[in-house]
Amino acid sequence: MSDFNYIQIFSGSSIIVNRIKIELESVGISPIIKDEGESQRLAGYGSLSQGIQEIVVREDELEKAQIVLEQIQNELDLSTD
């Protein structure tokens, strides 16, 4: 079994998280999506973080993932002007 350290690179709406996930996968990165709100709901608890998800990637893929994330953030910033 391999030991990898994971680092959170983004937290936000499921729509943006989905977009980032698709772009990361297109460059060979397999991100993990964490949804604490959904986990709490499935366990029968209420949640204050509905719709907020986190993306984590392996530490050895961090640099490549940050480049992808920066490109998406720049694109989204341009589209709101």
Protein backbone atom coordinates (compact mmCIF):
# COMPACT_ATOMS: atom_id res chain seq x y z
CA MET A 1 0.00 0.00 0.00
CA SER A 2 1.35 3.41 -0.96
CA ASP A 3 1.51 6.25 1.51
CA PHE A 4 0.55 9.59 0.04
CA ASN A 5 -0.03 12.91 1.70
CA TYR A 6 -3.06 14.79 0.45
CA ILE A 7 -3.48 18.55 0.32
CA GLN A 8 -6.67 20.57 -0.05
CA ILE A 9 -6.47 22.89 -3.05
CA PHE A 10 -10.02 24.25 -3.24
CA SER A 11 -13.25 24.55 -1.31
CA GLY A 12 -16.45 25.84 -2.84
CA SER A 13 -19.68 25.07 -4.62
CA SER A 14 -20.23 21.69 -6.18
CA ILE A 15 -20.54 23.30 -9.62
CA ILE A 16 -17.05 24.81 -9.52
CA VAL A 17 -15.64 21.68 -7.86
CA ASN A 18 -17.01 19.56 -10.72
CA ARG A 19 -15.36 21.83 -13.29
CA ILE A 20 -12.01 21.67 -11.51
CA LYS A 21 -12.30 17.89 -11.14
CA ILE A 22 -12.84 17.45 -14.89
CA GLU A 23 -9.85 19.64 -15.74
CA LEU A 24 -7.59 17.87 -13.23
CA GLU A 25 -8.57 14.47 -14.61
CA SER A 26 -7.82 15.68 -18.15
CA VAL A 27 -4.15 16.19 -17.15
CA GLY A 28 -3.86 12.87 -15.34
CA ILE A 29 -4.61 13.94 -11.76
CA SER A 30 -7.17 11.93 -9.78
CA PRO A 31 -8.59 14.36 -7.21
CA ILE A 32 -10.62 13.33 -4.18
CA ILE A 33 -13.84 15.24 -3.56
CA LYS A 34 -14.86 15.62 0.07
CA ASP A 35 -18.42 16.60 0.93
CA GLU A 36 -18.76 16.87 4.69
CA GLY A 37 -22.35 18.13 4.41
CA GLU A 38 -23.45 15.08 2.48
CA SER A 39 -21.62 12.79 4.88
CA GLN A 40 -23.38 14.41 7.81
CA ARG A 41 -26.75 14.18 6.07
CA LEU A 42 -26.28 10.49 5.33
CA ALA A 43 -25.36 9.89 8.98
CA GLY A 44 -28.61 11.56 10.08
CA TYR A 45 -27.16 14.85 11.29
CA GLY A 46 -27.91 18.37 10.15
CA SER A 47 -25.29 20.30 8.22
CA LEU A 48 -24.35 23.93 7.88
CA SER A 49 -22.11 23.30 4.88
CA GLN A 50 -24.67 22.04 2.35
CA GLY A 51 -23.33 22.28 -1.19
CA ILE A 52 -19.76 23.06 -0.16
CA GLN A 53 -17.17 20.54 -1.28
CA GLU A 54 -13.40 20.28 -1.02
CA ILE A 55 -10.87 19.02 -3.56
CA VAL A 56 -7.75 17.28 -2.30
CA VAL A 57 -4.86 16.01 -4.40
CA ARG A 58 -1.75 14.01 -3.69
CA GLU A 59 1.15 16.14 -2.52
CA ASP A 60 3.31 14.97 -5.44
CA GLU A 61 0.66 16.31 -7.88
CA LEU A 62 0.21 19.64 -6.09
CA GLU A 63 2.29 21.82 -8.41
CA LYS A 64 0.54 20.53 -11.54
CA ALA A 65 -2.88 20.88 -9.84
CA GLN A 66 -2.18 24.47 -8.80
CA ILE A 67 -1.46 25.41 -12.42
CA VAL A 68 -4.80 23.95 -13.53
CA LEU A 69 -6.61 25.67 -10.65
CA GLU A 70 -5.02 29.03 -11.45
CA GLN A 71 -6.07 28.75 -15.11
CA ILE A 72 -9.67 28.03 -14.12
CA GLN A 73 -9.74 30.86 -11.58
CA ASN A 74 -8.39 33.30 -14.18
CA GLU A 75 -10.99 32.13 -16.68
CA LEU A 76 -13.82 32.56 -14.19
CA ASP A 77 -12.58 35.99 -13.15
CA LEU A 78 -12.52 37.11 -16.80
CA SER A 79 -16.04 35.87 -17.45
CA THR A 80 -17.52 37.97 -14.62
CA ASP A 81 -16.28 41.35 -15.95
